Amino acid sequence: MSDLRRISEIVDAARLQGRELLLEPEGFEVLEVLGVPVPAYRYLAAGRACGESDLEPFAGDRVVLKAVAPGVAHKSEVGGVR
């Protein structure tokens, strides 16, 4: 699959959901497709428990948790960063 095609799929999926902004994991994926380095991250769906295997890509003993939801562009303003 071409890079442009994958980026188009990401953007089109957001538009189909009525969104004008990409969610952070989608933005990271676009950057990765373009070859831009991004920080290690994991996206967990609501209600899914975080397991040990989810933490393997992260060095150290601390992680940052961020809310990901349509309409939440500024996570820190809504208490969405821990």
PDB file of N, CA and C in Angstrom:
ATOM      1  N   MET A   1       0.850  -1.174   0.000  1.00  0.00           N
ATOM      2  CA  MET A   1       0.000   0.000   0.000  1.00  0.00           C
ATOM      3  C   MET A   1       0.898   1.242   0.000  1.00  0.00           C
ATOM      4  N   SER A   2       0.551   2.202  -0.801  1.00  0.00           N
ATOM      5  CA  SER A   2       1.363   3.414  -0.871  1.00  0.00           C
ATOM      6  C   SER A   2       1.128   4.282   0.358  1.00  0.00           C
ATOM      7  N   ASP A   3       2.123   5.118   0.648  1.00  0.00           N
ATOM      8  CA  ASP A   3       2.019   6.021   1.790  1.00  0.00           C
ATOM      9  C   ASP A   3       0.829   6.960   1.634  1.00  0.00           C
ATOM     10  N   LEU A   4       0.666   7.533   0.464  1.00  0.00           N
ATOM     11  CA  LEU A   4      -0.436   8.466   0.228  1.00  0.00           C
ATOM     12  C   LEU A   4      -1.789   7.776   0.403  1.00  0.00           C
ATOM     13  N   ARG A   5      -1.883   6.544  -0.054  1.00  0.00           N
ATOM     14  CA  ARG A   5      -3.142   5.807   0.085  1.00  0.00           C
ATOM     15  C   ARG A   5      -3.459   5.573   1.558  1.00  0.00           C
ATOM     16  N   ARG A   6      -2.465   5.189   2.358  1.00  0.00           N
ATOM     17  CA  ARG A   6      -2.704   4.943   3.788  1.00  0.00           C
ATOM     18  C   ARG A   6      -3.128   6.232   4.491  1.00  0.00           C
ATOM     19  N   ILE A   7      -2.461   7.341   4.164  1.00  0.00           N
ATOM     20  CA  ILE A   7      -2.832   8.622   4.766  1.00  0.00           C
ATOM     21  C   ILE A   7      -4.259   8.993   4.369  1.00  0.00           C
ATOM     22  N   SER A   8      -4.614   8.779   3.117  1.00  0.00           N
ATOM     23  CA  SER A   8      -5.979   9.058   2.660  1.00  0.00           C
ATOM     24  C   SER A   8      -6.995   8.222   3.419  1.00  0.00           C
ATOM     25  N   GLU A   9      -6.677   6.957   3.687  1.00  0.00           N
ATOM     26  CA  GLU A   9      -7.584   6.092   4.446  1.00  0.00           C
ATOM     27  C   GLU A   9      -7.800   6.619   5.868  1.00  0.00           C
ATOM     28  N   ILE A  10      -6.736   7.077   6.496  1.00  0.00           N
ATOM     29  CA  ILE A  10      -6.839   7.613   7.858  1.00  0.00           C
ATOM     30  C   ILE A  10      -7.725   8.853   7.873  1.00  0.00           C
ATOM     31  N   VAL A  11      -7.474   9.769   6.944  1.00  0.00           N
ATOM     32  CA  VAL A  11      -8.243  11.014   6.865  1.00  0.00           C
ATOM     33  C   VAL A  11      -9.695  10.719   6.487  1.00  0.00           C
ATOM     34  N   ASP A  12      -9.906   9.839   5.522  1.00  0.00           N
ATOM     35  CA  ASP A  12     -11.267   9.504   5.103  1.00  0.00           C
ATOM     36  C   ASP A  12     -12.066   8.876   6.244  1.00  0.00           C
ATOM     37  N   ALA A  13     -11.439   8.008   7.038  1.00  0.00           N
ATOM     38  CA  ALA A  13     -12.133   7.378   8.167  1.00  0.00           C
ATOM     39  C   ALA A  13     -12.570   8.427   9.184  1.00  0.00           C
ATOM     40  N   ALA A  14     -11.718   9.414   9.441  1.00  0.00           N
ATOM     41  CA  ALA A  14     -12.088  10.490  10.367  1.00  0.00           C
ATOM     42  C   ALA A  14     -13.260  11.299   9.802  1.00  0.00           C
ATOM     43  N   ARG A  15     -13.201  11.596   8.520  1.00  0.00           N
ATOM     44  CA  ARG A  15     -14.286  12.361   7.887  1.00  0.00           C
ATOM     45  C   ARG A  15     -15.608  11.603   7.918  1.00  0.00           C
ATOM     46  N   LEU A  16     -15.549  10.284   7.710  1.00  0.00           N
ATOM     47  CA  LEU A  16     -16.769   9.471   7.755  1.00  0.00           C
ATOM     48  C   LEU A  16     -17.413   9.506   9.135  1.00  0.00           C
ATOM     49  N   GLN A  17     -16.593   9.736  10.152  1.00  0.00           N
ATOM     50  CA  GLN A  17     -17.109   9.848  11.520  1.00  0.00           C
ATOM     51  C   GLN A  17     -17.531  11.273  11.843  1.00  0.00           C
ATOM     52  N   GLY A  18     -17.444  12.154  10.834  1.00  0.00           N
ATOM     53  CA  GLY A  18     -17.868  13.533  11.020  1.00  0.00           C
ATOM     54  C   GLY A  18     -16.837  14.399  11.724  1.00  0.00           C
ATOM     55  N   ARG A  19     -15.591  13.950  11.747  1.00  0.00           N
ATOM     56  CA  ARG A  19     -14.544  14.706  12.436  1.00  0.00           C
ATOM     57  C   ARG A  19     -13.723  15.532  11.461  1.00  0.00           C
ATOM     58  N   GLU A  20     -13.310  16.707  11.914  1.00  0.00           N
ATOM     59  CA  GLU A  20     -12.420  17.560  11.129  1.00  0.00           C
ATOM     60  C   GLU A  20     -10.982  17.450  11.620  1.00  0.00           C
ATOM     61  N   LEU A  21     -10.795  16.873  12.799  1.00  0.00           N
ATOM     62  CA  LEU A  21      -9.464  16.709  13.387  1.00  0.00           C
ATOM     63  C   LEU A  21      -9.135  15.234  13.542  1.00  0.00           C
ATOM     64  N   LEU A  22      -7.867  14.902  13.393  1.00  0.00           N
ATOM     65  CA  LEU A  22      -7.424  13.541  13.656  1.00  0.00           C
ATOM     66  C   LEU A  22      -7.200  13.374  15.149  1.00  0.00           C
ATOM     67  N   LEU A  23      -7.445  12.177  15.647  1.00  0.00           N
ATOM     68  CA  LEU A  23      -7.105  11.850  17.024  1.00  0.00           C
ATOM     69  C   LEU A  23      -5.595  11.632  17.100  1.00  0.00           C
ATOM     70  N   GLU A  24      -5.037  11.759  18.278  1.00  0.00           N
ATOM     71  CA  GLU A  24      -3.579  11.664  18.420  1.00  0.00           C
ATOM     72  C   GLU A  24      -2.989  10.390  17.815  1.00  0.00           C
ATOM     73  N   PRO A  25      -3.551   9.204  18.066  1.00  0.00           N
ATOM     74  CA  PRO A  25      -2.971   8.002  17.439  1.00  0.00           C
ATOM     75  C   PRO A  25      -3.009   8.049  15.910  1.00  0.00           C
ATOM     76  N   GLU A  26      -4.052   8.655  15.347  1.00  0.00           N
ATOM     77  CA  GLU A  26      -4.133   8.801  13.887  1.00  0.00           C
ATOM     78  C   GLU A  26      -3.056   9.761  13.388  1.00  0.00           C
ATOM     79  N   GLY A  27      -2.858  10.839  14.110  1.00  0.00           N
ATOM     80  CA  GLY A  27      -1.809  11.785  13.740  1.00  0.00           C
ATOM     81  C   GLY A  27      -0.436  11.146  13.803  1.00  0.00           C
ATOM     82  N   PHE A  28      -0.200  10.357  14.854  1.00  0.00           N
ATOM     83  CA  PHE A  28       1.077   9.641  14.969  1.00  0.00           C
ATOM     84  C   PHE A  28       1.262   8.681  13.794  1.00  0.00           C
ATOM     85  N   GLU A  29       0.186   7.996  13.397  1.00  0.00           N
ATOM     86  CA  GLU A  29       0.302   7.062  12.277  1.00  0.00           C
ATOM     87  C   GLU A  29       0.635   7.791  10.978  1.00  0.00           C
ATOM     88  N   VAL A  30       0.014   8.943  10.755  1.00  0.00           N
ATOM     89  CA  VAL A  30       0.336   9.742   9.557  1.00  0.00           C
ATOM     90  C   VAL A  30       1.813  10.129   9.589  1.00  0.00           C
ATOM     91  N   LEU A  31       2.289  10.601  10.738  1.00  0.00           N
ATOM     92  CA  LEU A  31       3.699  10.981  10.848  1.00  0.00           C
ATOM     93  C   LEU A  31       4.620   9.793  10.583  1.00  0.00           C
ATOM     94  N   GLU A  32       4.270   8.630  11.140  1.00  0.00           N
ATOM     95  CA  GLU A  32       5.082   7.420  10.922  1.00  0.00           C
ATOM     96  C   GLU A  32       5.129   7.057   9.438  1.00  0.00           C
ATOM     97  N   VAL A  33       3.983   7.125   8.763  1.00  0.00           N
ATOM     98  CA  VAL A  33       3.922   6.823   7.333  1.00  0.00           C
ATOM     99  C   VAL A  33       4.853   7.756   6.557  1.00  0.00           C
ATOM    100  N   LEU A  34       4.943   8.998   7.012  1.00  0.00           N
ATOM    101  CA  LEU A  34       5.803   9.987   6.359  1.00  0.00           C
ATOM    102  C   LEU A  34       7.270   9.863   6.764  1.00  0.00           C
ATOM    103  N   GLY A  35       7.557   8.959   7.701  1.00  0.00           N
ATOM    104  CA  GLY A  35       8.931   8.756   8.131  1.00  0.00           C
ATOM    105  C   GLY A  35       9.388   9.684   9.242  1.00  0.00           C
ATOM    106  N   VAL A  36       8.439  10.363   9.873  1.00  0.00           N
ATOM    107  CA  VAL A  36       8.771  11.269  10.980  1.00  0.00           C
ATOM    108  C   VAL A  36       8.754  10.467  12.282  1.00  0.00           C
ATOM    109  N   PRO A  37       9.830  10.526  13.063  1.00  0.00           N
ATOM    110  CA  PRO A  37       9.849   9.786  14.328  1.00  0.00           C
ATOM    111  C   PRO A  37       8.773  10.296  15.298  1.00  0.00           C
ATOM    112  N   VAL A  38       8.134   9.367  15.988  1.00  0.00           N
ATOM    113  CA  VAL A  38       7.140   9.702  17.013  1.00  0.00           C
ATOM    114  C   VAL A  38       7.510   8.973  18.300  1.00  0.00           C
ATOM    115  N   PRO A  39       7.041   9.467  19.435  1.00  0.00           N
ATOM    116  CA  PRO A  39       7.340   8.777  20.693  1.00  0.00           C
ATOM    117  C   PRO A  39       6.642   7.419  20.739  1.00  0.00           C
ATOM    118  N   ALA A  40       7.171   6.528  21.542  1.00  0.00           N
ATOM    119  CA  ALA A  40       6.506   5.233  21.729  1.00  0.00           C
ATOM    120  C   ALA A  40       5.114   5.491  22.302  1.00  0.00           C
ATOM    121  N   TYR A  41       4.125   4.776  21.783  1.00  0.00           N
ATOM    122  CA  TYR A  41       2.762   4.946  22.286  1.00  0.00           C
ATOM    123  C   TYR A  41       1.976   3.666  22.095  1.00  0.00           C
ATOM    124  N   ARG A  42       0.927   3.532  22.858  1.00  0.00           N
ATOM    125  CA  ARG A  42      -0.039   2.450  22.714  1.00  0.00           C
ATOM    126  C   ARG A  42      -1.409   3.067  22.827  1.00  0.00           C
ATOM    127  N   TYR A  43      -2.327   2.620  22.001  1.00  0.00           N
ATOM    128  CA  TYR A  43      -3.716   3.061  22.068  1.00  0.00           C
ATOM    129  C   TYR A  43      -4.534   1.892  22.595  1.00  0.00           C
ATOM    130  N   LEU A  44      -5.240   2.115  23.683  1.00  0.00           N
ATOM    131  CA  LEU A  44      -6.102   1.087  24.254  1.00  0.00           C
ATOM    132  C   LEU A  44      -7.548   1.569  24.182  1.00  0.00           C
ATOM    133  N   ALA A  45      -8.411   0.742  23.664  1.00  0.00           N
ATOM    134  CA  ALA A  45      -9.829   1.096  23.552  1.00  0.00           C
ATOM    135  C   ALA A  45     -10.436   1.240  24.941  1.00  0.00           C
ATOM    136  N   ALA A  46     -11.452   2.063  25.049  1.00  0.00           N
ATOM    137  CA  ALA A  46     -12.133   2.291  26.323  1.00  0.00           C
ATOM    138  C   ALA A  46     -12.560   0.963  26.932  1.00  0.00           C
ATOM    139  N   GLY A  47     -12.309   0.825  28.213  1.00  0.00           N
ATOM    140  CA  GLY A  47     -12.703  -0.372  28.940  1.00  0.00           C
ATOM    141  C   GLY A  47     -11.709  -1.510  28.869  1.00  0.00           C
ATOM    142  N   ARG A  48     -10.688  -1.390  28.050  1.00  0.00           N
ATOM    143  CA  ARG A  48      -9.682  -2.455  27.938  1.00  0.00           C
ATOM    144  C   ARG A  48      -8.611  -2.233  28.990  1.00  0.00           C
ATOM    145  N   ALA A  49      -8.338  -3.247  29.765  1.00  0.00           N
ATOM    146  CA  ALA A  49      -7.309  -3.158  30.802  1.00  0.00           C
ATOM    147  C   ALA A  49      -5.924  -3.129  30.165  1.00  0.00           C
ATOM    148  N   CYS A  50      -5.035  -2.396  30.780  1.00  0.00           N
ATOM    149  CA  CYS A  50      -3.645  -2.315  30.323  1.00  0.00           C
ATOM    150  C   CYS A  50      -2.888  -3.512  30.887  1.00  0.00           C
ATOM    151  N   GLY A  51      -2.300  -4.311  30.000  1.00  0.00           N
ATOM    152  CA  GLY A  51      -1.546  -5.479  30.425  1.00  0.00           C
ATOM    153  C   GLY A  51      -0.048  -5.238  30.351  1.00  0.00           C
ATOM    154  N   GLU A  52       0.701  -6.157  30.899  1.00  0.00           N
ATOM    155  CA  GLU A  52       2.162  -6.041  30.910  1.00  0.00           C
ATOM    156  C   GLU A  52       2.728  -5.920  29.493  1.00  0.00           C
ATOM    157  N   SER A  53       2.167  -6.642  28.541  1.00  0.00           N
ATOM    158  CA  SER A  53       2.672  -6.589  27.166  1.00  0.00           C
ATOM    159  C   SER A  53       2.453  -5.205  26.534  1.00  0.00           C
ATOM    160  N   ASP A  54       1.441  -4.462  27.007  1.00  0.00           N
ATOM    161  CA  ASP A  54       1.205  -3.111  26.496  1.00  0.00           C
ATOM    162  C   ASP A  54       2.306  -2.149  26.913  1.00  0.00           C
ATOM    163  N   LEU A  55       2.994  -2.452  28.001  1.00  0.00           N
ATOM    164  CA  LEU A  55       4.019  -1.559  28.536  1.00  0.00           C
ATOM    165  C   LEU A  55       5.420  -1.883  28.037  1.00  0.00           C
ATOM    166  N   GLU A  56       5.596  -2.992  27.339  1.00  0.00           N
ATOM    167  CA  GLU A  56       6.926  -3.416  26.880  1.00  0.00           C
ATOM    168  C   GLU A  56       7.683  -2.374  26.050  1.00  0.00           C
ATOM    169  N   PRO A  57       7.023  -1.596  25.163  1.00  0.00           N
ATOM    170  CA  PRO A  57       7.791  -0.651  24.344  1.00  0.00           C
ATOM    171  C   PRO A  57       8.347   0.547  25.116  1.00  0.00           C
ATOM    172  N   PHE A  58       7.933   0.705  26.362  1.00  0.00           N
ATOM    173  CA  PHE A  58       8.303   1.888  27.114  1.00  0.00           C
ATOM    174  C   PHE A  58       9.487   1.616  28.041  1.00  0.00           C
ATOM    175  N   ALA A  59      10.481   2.490  27.969  1.00  0.00           N
ATOM    176  CA  ALA A  59      11.629   2.393  28.851  1.00  0.00           C
ATOM    177  C   ALA A  59      11.279   3.062  30.185  1.00  0.00           C
ATOM    178  N   GLY A  60      11.900   2.615  31.234  1.00  0.00           N
ATOM    179  CA  GLY A  60      11.693   3.247  32.532  1.00  0.00           C
ATOM    180  C   GLY A  60      10.480   2.716  33.251  1.00  0.00           C
ATOM    181  N   ASP A  61      10.144   3.393  34.327  1.00  0.00           N
ATOM    182  CA  ASP A  61       9.053   2.903  35.173  1.00  0.00           C
ATOM    183  C   ASP A  61       7.869   3.866  35.222  1.00  0.00           C
ATOM    184  N   ARG A  62       7.817   4.813  34.289  1.00  0.00           N
ATOM    185  CA  ARG A  62       6.710   5.773  34.266  1.00  0.00           C
ATOM    186  C   ARG A  62       6.162   5.908  32.844  1.00  0.00           C
ATOM    187  N   VAL A  63       4.861   6.109  32.770  1.00  0.00           N
ATOM    188  CA  VAL A  63       4.210   6.355  31.486  1.00  0.00           C
ATOM    189  C   VAL A  63       3.231   7.518  31.652  1.00  0.00           C
ATOM    190  N   VAL A  64       2.818   8.096  30.545  1.00  0.00           N
ATOM    191  CA  VAL A  64       1.805   9.149  30.548  1.00  0.00           C
ATOM    192  C   VAL A  64       0.545   8.568  29.934  1.00  0.00           C
ATOM    193  N   LEU A  65      -0.568   8.772  30.586  1.00  0.00           N
ATOM    194  CA  LEU A  65      -1.862   8.335  30.062  1.00  0.00           C
ATOM    195  C   LEU A  65      -2.599   9.558  29.538  1.00  0.00           C
ATOM    196  N   LYS A  66      -3.155   9.432  28.329  1.00  0.00           N
ATOM    197  CA  LYS A  66      -3.890  10.544  27.728  1.00  0.00           C
ATOM    198  C   LYS A  66      -5.246  10.059  27.237  1.00  0.00           C
ATOM    199  N   ALA A  67      -6.248  10.879  27.455  1.00  0.00           N
ATOM    200  CA  ALA A  67      -7.569  10.595  26.916  1.00  0.00           C
ATOM    201  C   ALA A  67      -7.543  10.821  25.407  1.00  0.00           C
ATOM    202  N   VAL A  68      -8.249   9.972  24.694  1.00  0.00           N
ATOM    203  CA  VAL A  68      -8.382  10.122  23.237  1.00  0.00           C
ATOM    204  C   VAL A  68      -9.866  10.049  22.921  1.00  0.00           C
ATOM    205  N   ALA A  69     -10.405  11.183  22.486  1.00  0.00           N
ATOM    206  CA  ALA A  69     -11.832  11.223  22.168  1.00  0.00           C
ATOM    207  C   ALA A  69     -12.112  12.358  21.204  1.00  0.00           C
ATOM    208  N   PRO A  70     -13.060  12.148  20.291  1.00  0.00           N
ATOM    209  CA  PRO A  70     -13.454  13.254  19.413  1.00  0.00           C
ATOM    210  C   PRO A  70     -13.898  14.441  20.270  1.00  0.00           C
ATOM    211  N   GLY A  71     -13.518  15.624  19.864  1.00  0.00           N
ATOM    212  CA  GLY A  71     -13.914  16.819  20.595  1.00  0.00           C
ATOM    213  C   GLY A  71     -12.979  17.190  21.730  1.00  0.00           C
ATOM    214  N   VAL A  72     -11.977  16.352  21.992  1.00  0.00           N
ATOM    215  CA  VAL A  72     -11.006  16.655  23.046  1.00  0.00           C
ATOM    216  C   VAL A  72      -9.664  16.920  22.374  1.00  0.00           C
ATOM    217  N   ALA A  73      -9.474  18.159  21.949  1.00  0.00           N
ATOM    218  CA  ALA A  73      -8.221  18.537  21.282  1.00  0.00           C
ATOM    219  C   ALA A  73      -7.164  18.927  22.309  1.00  0.00           C
ATOM    220  N   HIS A  74      -7.582  19.468  23.431  1.00  0.00           N
ATOM    221  CA  HIS A  74      -6.647  19.920  24.464  1.00  0.00           C
ATOM    222  C   HIS A  74      -6.882  19.095  25.732  1.00  0.00           C
ATOM    223  N   LYS A  75      -6.209  17.948  25.801  1.00  0.00           N
ATOM    224  CA  LYS A  75      -6.440  16.985  26.868  1.00  0.00           C
ATOM    225  C   LYS A  75      -6.211  17.547  28.266  1.00  0.00           C
ATOM    226  N   SER A  76      -5.165  18.353  28.422  1.00  0.00           N
ATOM    227  CA  SER A  76      -4.840  18.871  29.757  1.00  0.00           C
ATOM    228  C   SER A  76      -5.939  19.799  30.277  1.00  0.00           C
ATOM    229  N   GLU A  77      -6.654  20.462  29.395  1.00  0.00           N
ATOM    230  CA  GLU A  77      -7.724  21.382  29.829  1.00  0.00           C
ATOM    231  C   GLU A  77      -8.943  20.654  30.359  1.00  0.00           C
ATOM    232  N   VAL A  78      -9.085  19.360  30.053  1.00  0.00           N
ATOM    233  CA  VAL A  78     -10.242  18.588  30.534  1.00  0.00           C
ATOM    234  C   VAL A  78      -9.815  17.497  31.521  1.00  0.00           C
ATOM    235  N   GLY A  79      -8.588  17.579  32.023  1.00  0.00           N
ATOM    236  CA  GLY A  79      -8.110  16.572  32.968  1.00  0.00           C
ATOM    237  C   GLY A  79      -7.808  15.240  32.310  1.00  0.00           C
ATOM    238  N   GLY A  80      -7.471  15.259  31.032  1.00  0.00           N
ATOM    239  CA  GLY A  80      -7.265  14.029  30.285  1.00  0.00           C
ATOM    240  C   GLY A  80      -5.832  13.566  30.189  1.00  0.00           C
ATOM    241  N   VAL A  81      -4.947  14.076  31.060  1.00  0.00           N
ATOM    242  CA  VAL A  81      -3.538  13.638  31.065  1.00  0.00           C
ATOM    243  C   VAL A  81      -3.177  13.250  32.492  1.00  0.00           C
ATOM    244  N   ARG A  82      -2.618  12.081  32.632  1.00  0.00           N
ATOM    245  CA  ARG A  82      -2.172  11.591  33.949  1.00  0.00           C
ATOM    246  C   ARG A  82      -0.814  10.970  33.810  1.00  0.00           C
TER     247      ARG A  82
END
